[in-house]
PDB file of N, CA and C in Angstrom:
ATOM      1  N   UNK A   1       1.079  -1.154   0.016  1.00  0.00           N
ATOM      2  CA  UNK A   1      -0.076   0.007   0.069  1.00  0.00           C
ATOM      3  C   UNK A   1       1.085   0.860   0.180  1.00  0.00           C
ATOM      4  N   UNK A   2       0.750   2.260  -0.771  1.00  0.00           N
ATOM      5  CA  UNK A   2       1.419   3.362  -0.909  1.00  0.00           C
ATOM      6  C   UNK A   2       1.128   4.455  -0.262  1.00  0.00           C
ATOM      7  N   UNK A   3       2.127   5.044   0.528  1.00  0.00           N
ATOM      8  CA  UNK A   3       1.719   6.222   1.080  1.00  0.00           C
ATOM      9  C   UNK A   3       1.635   7.590   0.213  1.00  0.00           C
ATOM     10  N   UNK A   4       0.638   8.316   0.884  1.00  0.00           N
ATOM     11  CA  UNK A   4       0.215   9.179   0.369  1.00  0.00           C
ATOM     12  C   UNK A   4       0.602  10.539   0.881  1.00  0.00           C
ATOM     13  N   UNK A   5       1.356  10.746   2.045  1.00  0.00           N
ATOM     14  CA  UNK A   5       2.175  11.660   2.684  1.00  0.00           C
ATOM     15  C   UNK A   5       3.083  12.538   1.625  1.00  0.00           C
ATOM     16  N   UNK A   6       3.172  13.899   2.053  1.00  0.00           N
ATOM     17  CA  UNK A   6       3.799  14.868   1.264  1.00  0.00           C
ATOM     18  C   UNK A   6       5.839  14.426   1.153  1.00  0.00           C
ATOM     19  N   UNK A   7       5.820  14.098   2.907  1.00  0.00           N
ATOM     20  CA  UNK A   7       7.621  13.310   2.888  1.00  0.00           C
ATOM     21  C   UNK A   7       7.543  12.272   2.161  1.00  0.00           C
ATOM     22  N   UNK A   8       6.803  10.925   2.013  1.00  0.00           N
ATOM     23  CA  UNK A   8       7.412  10.083   1.195  1.00  0.00           C
ATOM     24  C   UNK A   8       7.437  10.498  -0.149  1.00  0.00           C
ATOM     25  N   UNK A   9       6.456  11.226  -0.676  1.00  0.00           N
ATOM     26  CA  UNK A   9       6.615  11.643  -2.650  1.00  0.00           C
ATOM     27  C   UNK A   9       7.546  12.574  -2.433  1.00  0.00           C
ATOM     28  N   UNK A  10       7.945  13.475  -1.997  1.00  0.00           N
ATOM     29  CA  UNK A  10       8.886  14.023  -1.692  1.00  0.00           C
ATOM     30  C   UNK A  10      10.048  13.228  -1.723  1.00  0.00           C
ATOM     31  N   UNK A  11      10.529  12.546  -0.890  1.00  0.00           N
ATOM     32  CA  UNK A  11      11.815  11.349  -0.778  1.00  0.00           C
ATOM     33  C   UNK A  11      11.807  10.262  -1.948  1.00  0.00           C
ATOM     34  N   UNK A  12      10.272  10.045  -2.639  1.00  0.00           N
ATOM     35  CA  UNK A  12      10.109   9.249  -3.653  1.00  0.00           C
ATOM     36  C   UNK A  12      10.807  10.005  -4.897  1.00  0.00           C
ATOM     37  N   UNK A  13      10.399  11.558  -5.404  1.00  0.00           N
ATOM     38  CA  UNK A  13      11.077  12.115  -6.373  1.00  0.00           C
ATOM     39  C   UNK A  13      12.549  12.536  -6.127  1.00  0.00           C
ATOM     40  N   UNK A  14      12.980  12.475  -4.678  1.00  0.00           N
ATOM     41  CA  UNK A  14      14.465  12.869  -4.379  1.00  0.00           C
ATOM     42  C   UNK A  14      15.262  11.383  -5.465  1.00  0.00           C
ATOM     43  N   UNK A  15      14.781  10.543  -5.019  1.00  0.00           N
ATOM     44  CA  UNK A  15      15.077   9.123  -5.311  1.00  0.00           C
ATOM     45  C   UNK A  15      15.489   9.490  -7.078  1.00  0.00           C
ATOM     46  N   UNK A  16      14.431   9.513  -7.553  1.00  0.00           N
ATOM     47  CA  UNK A  16      14.121   9.366  -9.068  1.00  0.00           C
ATOM     48  C   UNK A  16      15.321  10.458  -9.203  1.00  0.00           C
ATOM     49  N   UNK A  17      15.017  11.445  -9.557  1.00  0.00           N
ATOM     50  CA  UNK A  17      16.630  12.437  -9.790  1.00  0.00           C
ATOM     51  C   UNK A  17      18.097  12.083  -9.419  1.00  0.00           C
ATOM     52  N   UNK A  18      18.205  11.452  -8.229  1.00  0.00           N
ATOM     53  CA  UNK A  18      19.438  10.596  -8.061  1.00  0.00           C
ATOM     54  C   UNK A  18      19.737   9.436  -8.875  1.00  0.00           C
ATOM     55  N   UNK A  19      18.913   8.916  -9.195  1.00  0.00           N
ATOM     56  CA  UNK A  19      19.102   7.551 -10.120  1.00  0.00           C
ATOM     57  C   UNK A  19      19.535   7.970 -11.135  1.00  0.00           C
ATOM     58  N   UNK A  20      19.454   9.248 -11.489  1.00  0.00           N
ATOM     59  CA  UNK A  20      19.997   9.787 -13.194  1.00  0.00           C
ATOM     60  C   UNK A  20      21.228   9.425 -13.104  1.00  0.00           C
ATOM     61  N   UNK A  21      22.055  10.001 -12.312  1.00  0.00           N
ATOM     62  CA  UNK A  21      23.414   9.233 -11.882  1.00  0.00           C
ATOM     63  C   UNK A  21      24.024   9.075 -10.622  1.00  0.00           C
ATOM     64  N   UNK A  22      24.683   7.721 -10.694  1.00  0.00           N
ATOM     65  CA  UNK A  22      24.632   7.089  -9.486  1.00  0.00           C
ATOM     66  C   UNK A  22      26.165   8.013  -8.280  1.00  0.00           C
ATOM     67  N   UNK A  23      26.396   8.702  -8.899  1.00  0.00           N
ATOM     68  CA  UNK A  23      27.937   9.427  -8.496  1.00  0.00           C
ATOM     69  C   UNK A  23      27.518  10.627  -8.207  1.00  0.00           C
ATOM     70  N   UNK A  24      26.133  11.085  -7.700  1.00  0.00           N
ATOM     71  CA  UNK A  24      26.029  12.284  -7.531  1.00  0.00           C
ATOM     72  C   UNK A  24      26.745  12.983  -6.527  1.00  0.00           C
ATOM     73  N   UNK A  25      27.361  11.992  -5.591  1.00  0.00           N
ATOM     74  CA  UNK A  25      28.175  12.504  -4.167  1.00  0.00           C
ATOM     75  C   UNK A  25      29.564  13.304  -5.306  1.00  0.00           C
ATOM     76  N   UNK A  26      30.343  13.272  -6.299  1.00  0.00           N
ATOM     77  CA  UNK A  26      31.133  13.547  -6.940  1.00  0.00           C
ATOM     78  C   UNK A  26      30.612  14.250  -7.607  1.00  0.00           C
ATOM     79  N   UNK A  27      29.785  15.163  -7.679  1.00  0.00           N
ATOM     80  CA  UNK A  27      29.500  16.431  -8.895  1.00  0.00           C
ATOM     81  C   UNK A  27      30.136  17.492  -8.621  1.00  0.00           C
ATOM     82  N   UNK A  28      30.592  17.620 -10.222  1.00  0.00           N
ATOM     83  CA  UNK A  28      31.693  18.744 -10.122  1.00  0.00           C
ATOM     84  C   UNK A  28      33.238  18.327 -10.314  1.00  0.00           C
ATOM     85  N   UNK A  29      33.159  16.765  -9.970  1.00  0.00           N
ATOM     86  CA  UNK A  29      34.593  16.022  -9.966  1.00  0.00           C
ATOM     87  C   UNK A  29      34.292  14.882 -11.622  1.00  0.00           C
ATOM     88  N   UNK A  30      34.955  15.299 -12.713  1.00  0.00           N
ATOM     89  CA  UNK A  30      34.988  14.306 -13.755  1.00  0.00           C
ATOM     90  C   UNK A  30      35.625  12.935 -13.489  1.00  0.00           C
ATOM     91  N   UNK A  31      34.778  12.323 -12.651  1.00  0.00           N
ATOM     92  CA  UNK A  31      35.498  10.995 -12.446  1.00  0.00           C
ATOM     93  C   UNK A  31      35.136   9.708 -13.316  1.00  0.00           C
ATOM     94  N   UNK A  32      34.621  10.246 -14.524  1.00  0.00           N
ATOM     95  CA  UNK A  32      33.654   9.257 -15.144  1.00  0.00           C
ATOM     96  C   UNK A  32      35.109   9.476 -16.490  1.00  0.00           C
ATOM     97  N   UNK A  33      35.572  10.743 -17.101  1.00  0.00           N
ATOM     98  CA  UNK A  33      36.956  10.586 -17.434  1.00  0.00           C
ATOM     99  C   UNK A  33      37.644  10.583 -17.107  1.00  0.00           C
ATOM    100  N   UNK A  34      38.314  10.922 -15.604  1.00  0.00           N
ATOM    101  CA  UNK A  34      39.574  10.735 -14.815  1.00  0.00           C
ATOM    102  C   UNK A  34      39.820   9.003 -15.455  1.00  0.00           C
ATOM    103  N   UNK A  35      38.558   8.234 -15.109  1.00  0.00           N
ATOM    104  CA  UNK A  35      38.833   7.130 -15.058  1.00  0.00           C
ATOM    105  C   UNK A  35      38.888   6.467 -16.187  1.00  0.00           C
ATOM    106  N   UNK A  36      38.480   7.067 -17.185  1.00  0.00           N
ATOM    107  CA  UNK A  36      38.543   6.462 -18.892  1.00  0.00           C
ATOM    108  C   UNK A  36      40.286   6.965 -19.177  1.00  0.00           C
ATOM    109  N   UNK A  37      40.865   7.830 -18.359  1.00  0.00           N
ATOM    110  CA  UNK A  37      41.887   8.314 -19.086  1.00  0.00           C
ATOM    111  C   UNK A  37      43.162   7.248 -18.005  1.00  0.00           C
ATOM    112  N   UNK A  38      42.771   6.649 -16.971  1.00  0.00           N
ATOM    113  CA  UNK A  38      43.564   5.799 -16.241  1.00  0.00           C
ATOM    114  C   UNK A  38      43.292   4.528 -16.948  1.00  0.00           C
ATOM    115  N   UNK A  39      42.251   4.350 -17.285  1.00  0.00           N
ATOM    116  CA  UNK A  39      41.734   2.790 -18.218  1.00  0.00           C
ATOM    117  C   UNK A  39      43.053   2.456 -19.018  1.00  0.00           C
ATOM    118  N   UNK A  40      42.461   3.884 -20.002  1.00  0.00           N
ATOM    119  CA  UNK A  40      43.670   4.076 -21.566  1.00  0.00           C
ATOM    120  C   UNK A  40      44.831   3.902 -21.014  1.00  0.00           C
ATOM    121  N   UNK A  41      45.736   4.120 -20.028  1.00  0.00           N
ATOM    122  CA  UNK A  41      46.607   4.360 -19.397  1.00  0.00           C
ATOM    123  C   UNK A  41      47.283   2.853 -19.122  1.00  0.00           C
ATOM    124  N   UNK A  42      46.193   2.298 -17.960  1.00  0.00           N
ATOM    125  CA  UNK A  42      46.392   0.662 -18.149  1.00  0.00           C
ATOM    126  C   UNK A  42      46.545  -0.129 -19.329  1.00  0.00           C
ATOM    127  N   UNK A  43      45.374   0.132 -19.896  1.00  0.00           N
ATOM    128  CA  UNK A  43      45.748  -0.933 -21.072  1.00  0.00           C
ATOM    129  C   UNK A  43      46.431  -0.652 -22.034  1.00  0.00           C
ATOM    130  N   UNK A  44      47.029   0.665 -22.139  1.00  0.00           N
ATOM    131  CA  UNK A  44      48.533   0.322 -23.068  1.00  0.00           C
ATOM    132  C   UNK A  44      49.733   0.070 -22.517  1.00  0.00           C
ATOM    133  N   UNK A  45      49.674  -0.149 -20.603  1.00  0.00           N
ATOM    134  CA  UNK A  45      50.724  -0.907 -20.327  1.00  0.00           C
ATOM    135  C   UNK A  45      50.394  -2.463 -20.174  1.00  0.00           C
ATOM    136  N   UNK A  46      49.163  -2.716 -20.101  1.00  0.00           N
ATOM    137  CA  UNK A  46      49.390  -4.366 -19.952  1.00  0.00           C
ATOM    138  C   UNK A  46      49.134  -4.505 -21.347  1.00  0.00           C
ATOM    139  N   UNK A  47      49.180  -4.135 -22.157  1.00  0.00           N
ATOM    140  CA  UNK A  47      49.076  -4.756 -23.725  1.00  0.00           C
ATOM    141  C   UNK A  47      50.921  -4.741 -24.255  1.00  0.00           C
ATOM    142  N   UNK A  48      51.455  -4.012 -23.933  1.00  0.00           N
ATOM    143  CA  UNK A  48      52.911  -4.142 -24.182  1.00  0.00           C
ATOM    144  C   UNK A  48      53.527  -5.832 -24.385  1.00  0.00           C
ATOM    145  N   UNK A  49      54.389  -5.930 -24.912  1.00  0.00           N
ATOM    146  CA  UNK A  49      54.878  -7.071 -24.764  1.00  0.00           C
ATOM    147  C   UNK A  49      55.361  -7.400 -23.540  1.00  0.00           C
ATOM    148  N   UNK A  50      55.483  -8.830 -23.151  1.00  0.00           N
ATOM    149  CA  UNK A  50      55.947  -9.314 -21.845  1.00  0.00           C
ATOM    150  C   UNK A  50      55.120  -9.166 -21.006  1.00  0.00           C
ATOM    151  N   UNK A  51      54.066  -8.307 -20.691  1.00  0.00           N
ATOM    152  CA  UNK A  51      53.176  -7.864 -19.993  1.00  0.00           C
ATOM    153  C   UNK A  51      52.038  -8.670 -19.659  1.00  0.00           C
ATOM    154  N   UNK A  52      51.533  -9.260 -20.807  1.00  0.00           N
ATOM    155  CA  UNK A  52      50.068  -9.659 -20.968  1.00  0.00           C
ATOM    156  C   UNK A  52      50.083 -11.131 -19.706  1.00  0.00           C
ATOM    157  N   UNK A  53      49.395 -11.838 -18.873  1.00  0.00           N
ATOM    158  CA  UNK A  53      48.999 -13.004 -18.519  1.00  0.00           C
ATOM    159  C   UNK A  53      47.439 -13.261 -18.281  1.00  0.00           C
ATOM    160  N   UNK A  54      46.905 -14.071 -17.597  1.00  0.00           N
ATOM    161  CA  UNK A  54      45.745 -14.496 -17.984  1.00  0.00           C
ATOM    162  C   UNK A  54      44.492 -13.544 -16.639  1.00  0.00           C
ATOM    163  N   UNK A  55      45.150 -12.793 -15.816  1.00  0.00           N
ATOM    164  CA  UNK A  55      44.735 -11.692 -14.875  1.00  0.00           C
ATOM    165  C   UNK A  55      44.409 -10.644 -15.790  1.00  0.00           C
ATOM    166  N   UNK A  56      45.280  -9.784 -16.673  1.00  0.00           N
ATOM    167  CA  UNK A  56      45.119  -8.474 -17.550  1.00  0.00           C
ATOM    168  C   UNK A  56      44.077  -9.512 -18.639  1.00  0.00           C
ATOM    169  N   UNK A  57      44.562 -10.398 -18.854  1.00  0.00           N
ATOM    170  CA  UNK A  57      43.315 -10.472 -20.034  1.00  0.00           C
ATOM    171  C   UNK A  57      42.095 -10.628 -19.949  1.00  0.00           C
ATOM    172  N   UNK A  58      41.686 -11.150 -18.621  1.00  0.00           N
ATOM    173  CA  UNK A  58      40.693 -11.130 -18.293  1.00  0.00           C
ATOM    174  C   UNK A  58      39.916  -9.980 -17.670  1.00  0.00           C
ATOM    175  N   UNK A  59      40.755  -8.992 -17.335  1.00  0.00           N
ATOM    176  CA  UNK A  59      40.431  -7.653 -17.235  1.00  0.00           C
ATOM    177  C   UNK A  59      40.097  -6.580 -18.434  1.00  0.00           C
ATOM    178  N   UNK A  60      40.907  -6.998 -19.657  1.00  0.00           N
ATOM    179  CA  UNK A  60      40.479  -6.456 -20.584  1.00  0.00           C
ATOM    180  C   UNK A  60      39.313  -6.536 -21.445  1.00  0.00           C
ATOM    181  N   UNK A  61      38.804  -8.082 -21.272  1.00  0.00           N
ATOM    182  CA  UNK A  61      37.770  -9.009 -21.492  1.00  0.00           C
ATOM    183  C   UNK A  61      36.780  -8.180 -20.693  1.00  0.00           C
ATOM    184  N   UNK A  62      36.522  -7.837 -19.878  1.00  0.00           N
ATOM    185  CA  UNK A  62      35.574  -7.071 -18.943  1.00  0.00           C
ATOM    186  C   UNK A  62      35.385  -6.001 -19.336  1.00  0.00           C
ATOM    187  N   UNK A  63      36.665  -5.309 -19.387  1.00  0.00           N
ATOM    188  CA  UNK A  63      36.316  -3.838 -20.236  1.00  0.00           C
ATOM    189  C   UNK A  63      35.505  -4.018 -21.913  1.00  0.00           C
ATOM    190  N   UNK A  64      35.946  -4.812 -22.730  1.00  0.00           N
ATOM    191  CA  UNK A  64      35.701  -4.767 -24.225  1.00  0.00           C
ATOM    192  C   UNK A  64      33.861  -5.336 -23.802  1.00  0.00           C
ATOM    193  N   UNK A  65      34.023  -6.346 -22.993  1.00  0.00           N
ATOM    194  CA  UNK A  65      32.596  -6.707 -23.041  1.00  0.00           C
ATOM    195  C   UNK A  65      31.568  -5.259 -22.390  1.00  0.00           C
ATOM    196  N   UNK A  66      32.315  -4.681 -21.846  1.00  0.00           N
ATOM    197  CA  UNK A  66      31.270  -3.504 -21.320  1.00  0.00           C
ATOM    198  C   UNK A  66      31.023  -2.507 -22.587  1.00  0.00           C
ATOM    199  N   UNK A  67      32.482  -2.662 -23.226  1.00  0.00           N
ATOM    200  CA  UNK A  67      32.169  -1.303 -24.454  1.00  0.00           C
ATOM    201  C   UNK A  67      30.829  -1.352 -25.415  1.00  0.00           C
ATOM    202  N   UNK A  68      30.761  -3.570 -25.411  1.00  0.00           N
ATOM    203  CA  UNK A  68      30.228  -4.028 -26.505  1.00  0.00           C
ATOM    204  C   UNK A  68      28.754  -4.089 -26.018  1.00  0.00           C
ATOM    205  N   UNK A  69      28.649  -3.643 -24.811  1.00  0.00           N
ATOM    206  CA  UNK A  69      27.335  -3.527 -24.098  1.00  0.00           C
ATOM    207  C   UNK A  69      27.040  -5.556 -23.603  1.00  0.00           C
ATOM    208  N   UNK A  70      27.819  -6.147 -23.476  1.00  0.00           N
ATOM    209  CA  UNK A  70      27.528  -7.580 -23.201  1.00  0.00           C
ATOM    210  C   UNK A  70      28.046  -7.668 -21.569  1.00  0.00           C
ATOM    211  N   UNK A  71      27.768  -8.999 -21.199  1.00  0.00           N
ATOM    212  CA  UNK A  71      28.594  -9.429 -20.113  1.00  0.00           C
ATOM    213  C   UNK A  71      28.064  -9.138 -18.651  1.00  0.00           C
ATOM    214  N   UNK A  72      29.249  -8.497 -18.141  1.00  0.00           N
ATOM    215  CA  UNK A  72      29.037  -7.683 -16.425  1.00  0.00           C
ATOM    216  C   UNK A  72      28.645  -6.430 -16.743  1.00  0.00           C
ATOM    217  N   UNK A  73      28.796  -5.581 -17.816  1.00  0.00           N
ATOM    218  CA  UNK A  73      28.526  -4.312 -17.802  1.00  0.00           C
ATOM    219  C   UNK A  73      29.243  -3.292 -16.716  1.00  0.00           C
ATOM    220  N   UNK A  74      30.048  -3.576 -16.219  1.00  0.00           N
ATOM    221  CA  UNK A  74      31.116  -2.617 -15.264  1.00  0.00           C
ATOM    222  C   UNK A  74      31.517  -1.579 -16.218  1.00  0.00           C
ATOM    223  N   UNK A  75      31.207  -0.453 -15.663  1.00  0.00           N
ATOM    224  CA  UNK A  75      32.323   0.670 -16.500  1.00  0.00           C
ATOM    225  C   UNK A  75      33.625   0.750 -15.674  1.00  0.00           C
ATOM    226  N   UNK A  76      34.407   1.708 -16.627  1.00  0.00           N
ATOM    227  CA  UNK A  76      35.791   1.770 -16.113  1.00  0.00           C
ATOM    228  C   UNK A  76      35.794   2.391 -14.674  1.00  0.00           C
ATOM    229  N   UNK A  77      35.297   2.960 -14.012  1.00  0.00           N
ATOM    230  CA  UNK A  77      35.677   3.460 -12.711  1.00  0.00           C
ATOM    231  C   UNK A  77      35.213   2.230 -11.881  1.00  0.00           C
ATOM    232  N   UNK A  78      34.366   1.015 -12.182  1.00  0.00           N
ATOM    233  CA  UNK A  78      33.760  -0.028 -11.039  1.00  0.00           C
ATOM    234  C   UNK A  78      35.067  -0.816 -11.474  1.00  0.00           C
ATOM    235  N   UNK A  79      35.479  -1.196 -12.504  1.00  0.00           N
ATOM    236  CA  UNK A  79      36.525  -1.790 -13.051  1.00  0.00           C
ATOM    237  C   UNK A  79      37.707  -1.715 -12.228  1.00  0.00           C
ATOM    238  N   UNK A  80      37.869  -0.327 -11.915  1.00  0.00           N
ATOM    239  CA  UNK A  80      39.536  -0.011 -11.925  1.00  0.00           C
ATOM    240  C   UNK A  80      38.848  -0.098 -10.138  1.00  0.00           C
ATOM    241  N   UNK A  81      38.226   0.505  -9.586  1.00  0.00           N
ATOM    242  CA  UNK A  81      37.863   0.588  -8.116  1.00  0.00           C
ATOM    243  C   UNK A  81      37.899  -0.985  -7.599  1.00  0.00           C
ATOM    244  N   UNK A  82      37.455  -2.060  -8.581  1.00  0.00           N
ATOM    245  CA  UNK A  82      37.377  -3.351  -7.684  1.00  0.00           C
ATOM    246  C   UNK A  82      38.694  -3.950  -7.710  1.00  0.00           C
ATOM    247  N   UNK A  83      39.314  -3.316  -8.649  1.00  0.00           N
ATOM    248  CA  UNK A  83      40.719  -3.922  -9.122  1.00  0.00           C
ATOM    249  C   UNK A  83      42.234  -3.113  -8.529  1.00  0.00           C
ATOM    250  N   UNK A  84      41.841  -1.993  -7.605  1.00  0.00           N
ATOM    251  CA  UNK A  84      42.802  -1.157  -7.409  1.00  0.00           C
ATOM    252  C   UNK A  84      43.948  -1.618  -6.879  1.00  0.00           C
ATOM    253  N   UNK A  85      44.039  -2.660  -6.234  1.00  0.00           N
ATOM    254  CA  UNK A  85      45.189  -3.238  -5.276  1.00  0.00           C
ATOM    255  C   UNK A  85      45.942  -3.960  -6.231  1.00  0.00           C
ATOM    256  N   UNK A  86      45.400  -4.561  -7.510  1.00  0.00           N
ATOM    257  CA  UNK A  86      46.477  -5.337  -8.589  1.00  0.00           C
ATOM    258  C   UNK A  86      46.636  -4.040  -9.822  1.00  0.00           C
ATOM    259  N   UNK A  87      45.876  -3.024  -9.601  1.00  0.00           N
ATOM    260  CA  UNK A  87      46.334  -1.871 -10.317  1.00  0.00           C
ATOM    261  C   UNK A  87      47.906  -1.081  -9.686  1.00  0.00           C
ATOM    262  N   UNK A  88      47.377  -1.190  -8.347  1.00  0.00           N
ATOM    263  CA  UNK A  88      48.654  -0.472  -7.748  1.00  0.00           C
ATOM    264  C   UNK A  88      49.610  -1.510  -7.687  1.00  0.00           C
ATOM    265  N   UNK A  89      49.768  -2.085  -7.655  1.00  0.00           N
ATOM    266  CA  UNK A  89      50.644  -3.182  -7.708  1.00  0.00           C
ATOM    267  C   UNK A  89      51.689  -3.448  -8.797  1.00  0.00           C
ATOM    268  N   UNK A  90      51.141  -3.158  -9.904  1.00  0.00           N
ATOM    269  CA  UNK A  90      51.326  -3.179 -11.289  1.00  0.00           C
ATOM    270  C   UNK A  90      52.467  -1.934 -11.947  1.00  0.00           C
ATOM    271  N   UNK A  91      51.838  -0.776 -11.305  1.00  0.00           N
ATOM    272  CA  UNK A  91      52.304   0.571 -11.317  1.00  0.00           C
ATOM    273  C   UNK A  91      53.550   0.537 -10.573  1.00  0.00           C
ATOM    274  N   UNK A  92      53.221  -0.243  -9.288  1.00  0.00           N
ATOM    275  CA  UNK A  92      54.434   0.180  -8.428  1.00  0.00           C
ATOM    276  C   UNK A  92      55.849  -0.817  -9.109  1.00  0.00           C
ATOM    277  N   UNK A  93      55.477  -2.187  -9.246  1.00  0.00           N
ATOM    278  CA  UNK A  93      56.275  -3.084  -9.814  1.00  0.00           C
ATOM    279  C   UNK A  93      56.815  -2.178 -11.525  1.00  0.00           C
ATOM    280  N   UNK A  94      56.255  -1.503 -12.632  1.00  0.00           N
ATOM    281  CA  UNK A  94      56.811  -1.150 -13.249  1.00  0.00           C
ATOM    282  C   UNK A  94      57.337   0.212 -13.470  1.00  0.00           C
ATOM    283  N   UNK A  95      56.957   0.911 -12.123  1.00  0.00           N
ATOM    284  CA  UNK A  95      57.745   2.220 -11.763  1.00  0.00           C
ATOM    285  C   UNK A  95      57.260   3.128 -12.606  1.00  0.00           C
ATOM    286  N   UNK A  96      55.872   3.051 -12.645  1.00  0.00           N
ATOM    287  CA  UNK A  96      54.951   3.858 -13.728  1.00  0.00           C
ATOM    288  C   UNK A  96      54.496   5.053 -12.328  1.00  0.00           C
ATOM    289  N   UNK A  97      55.113   6.232 -12.149  1.00  0.00           N
ATOM    290  CA  UNK A  97      54.691   7.053 -11.619  1.00  0.00           C
ATOM    291  C   UNK A  97      54.023   7.782 -12.097  1.00  0.00           C
ATOM    292  N   UNK A  98      53.365   8.254 -13.318  1.00  0.00           N
ATOM    293  CA  UNK A  98      52.118   8.876 -13.746  1.00  0.00           C
ATOM    294  C   UNK A  98      51.000   8.061 -13.272  1.00  0.00           C
ATOM    295  N   UNK A  99      50.958   6.890 -13.614  1.00  0.00           N
ATOM    296  CA  UNK A  99      49.902   5.677 -13.494  1.00  0.00           C
ATOM    297  C   UNK A  99      49.737   5.760 -11.871  1.00  0.00           C
ATOM    298  N   UNK A 100      50.739   5.765 -11.308  1.00  0.00           N
ATOM    299  CA  UNK A 100      50.235   5.934  -9.196  1.00  0.00           C
ATOM    300  C   UNK A 100      49.661   7.450  -9.626  1.00  0.00           C
ATOM    301  N   UNK A 101      50.030   8.133 -10.244  1.00  0.00           N
ATOM    302  CA  UNK A 101      49.810   9.460  -9.591  1.00  0.00           C
ATOM    303  C   UNK A 101      48.069   9.841  -9.990  1.00  0.00           C
ATOM    304  N   UNK A 102      47.894   9.358 -11.406  1.00  0.00           N
ATOM    305  CA  UNK A 102      46.476   9.253 -11.679  1.00  0.00           C
ATOM    306  C   UNK A 102      45.553   8.113 -10.918  1.00  0.00           C
ATOM    307  N   UNK A 103      46.300   7.055 -10.545  1.00  0.00           N
ATOM    308  CA  UNK A 103      45.209   6.306  -9.285  1.00  0.00           C
ATOM    309  C   UNK A 103      44.895   6.970  -8.255  1.00  0.00           C
ATOM    310  N   UNK A 104      46.041   7.406  -7.605  1.00  0.00           N
ATOM    311  CA  UNK A 104      45.776   8.098  -6.269  1.00  0.00           C
ATOM    312  C   UNK A 104      44.757   9.390  -6.533  1.00  0.00           C
ATOM    313  N   UNK A 105      44.845  10.079  -7.630  1.00  0.00           N
ATOM    314  CA  UNK A 105      43.801  11.038  -7.772  1.00  0.00           C
ATOM    315  C   UNK A 105      42.259  10.690  -7.251  1.00  0.00           C
ATOM    316  N   UNK A 106      42.330   9.312  -8.530  1.00  0.00           N
ATOM    317  CA  UNK A 106      41.217   9.020  -8.654  1.00  0.00           C
ATOM    318  C   UNK A 106      40.341   8.240  -7.211  1.00  0.00           C
ATOM    319  N   UNK A 107      41.498   7.771  -6.531  1.00  0.00           N
ATOM    320  CA  UNK A 107      41.126   7.015  -5.020  1.00  0.00           C
ATOM    321  C   UNK A 107      40.728   8.139  -4.444  1.00  0.00           C
ATOM    322  N   UNK A 108      41.306   9.443  -4.463  1.00  0.00           N
ATOM    323  CA  UNK A 108      41.434  10.348  -3.140  1.00  0.00           C
ATOM    324  C   UNK A 108      40.077  10.928  -3.357  1.00  0.00           C
ATOM    325  N   UNK A 109      39.333  11.144  -4.834  1.00  0.00           N
ATOM    326  CA  UNK A 109      38.516  12.027  -5.234  1.00  0.00           C
ATOM    327  C   UNK A 109      37.328  10.681  -5.426  1.00  0.00           C
ATOM    328  N   UNK A 110      37.180   9.694  -6.013  1.00  0.00           N
ATOM    329  CA  UNK A 110      36.150   9.365  -6.611  1.00  0.00           C
ATOM    330  C   UNK A 110      35.787   7.949  -5.857  1.00  0.00           C
ATOM    331  N   UNK A 111      36.757   7.050  -5.584  1.00  0.00           N
ATOM    332  CA  UNK A 111      36.130   5.522  -4.986  1.00  0.00           C
ATOM    333  C   UNK A 111      35.531   5.702  -3.468  1.00  0.00           C
TER     334      UNK A 111
END
């Protein structure tokens, strides 16, 4: 049974407005753009000769599936956040200061 009170209707209205962008708390921060830049950097690194392995192959496939609109539909921000420890480890292992700085910024502002 639906509530007819004004407060409930206002709360439902607020929820529908927030559903437009799930990252409402990051208003004014280009989290998606920054995530895409980091994703591009990460993919370029992991596609270099000798850098491939089963983990990064699977990671790339999840991203390709997202782009194709199939599979687990995880956007770049989600994929990066879910794998942040592996990404940090790779950047540290490779001495990739640019990648580490971009990852730190994304973690601080968007995760």
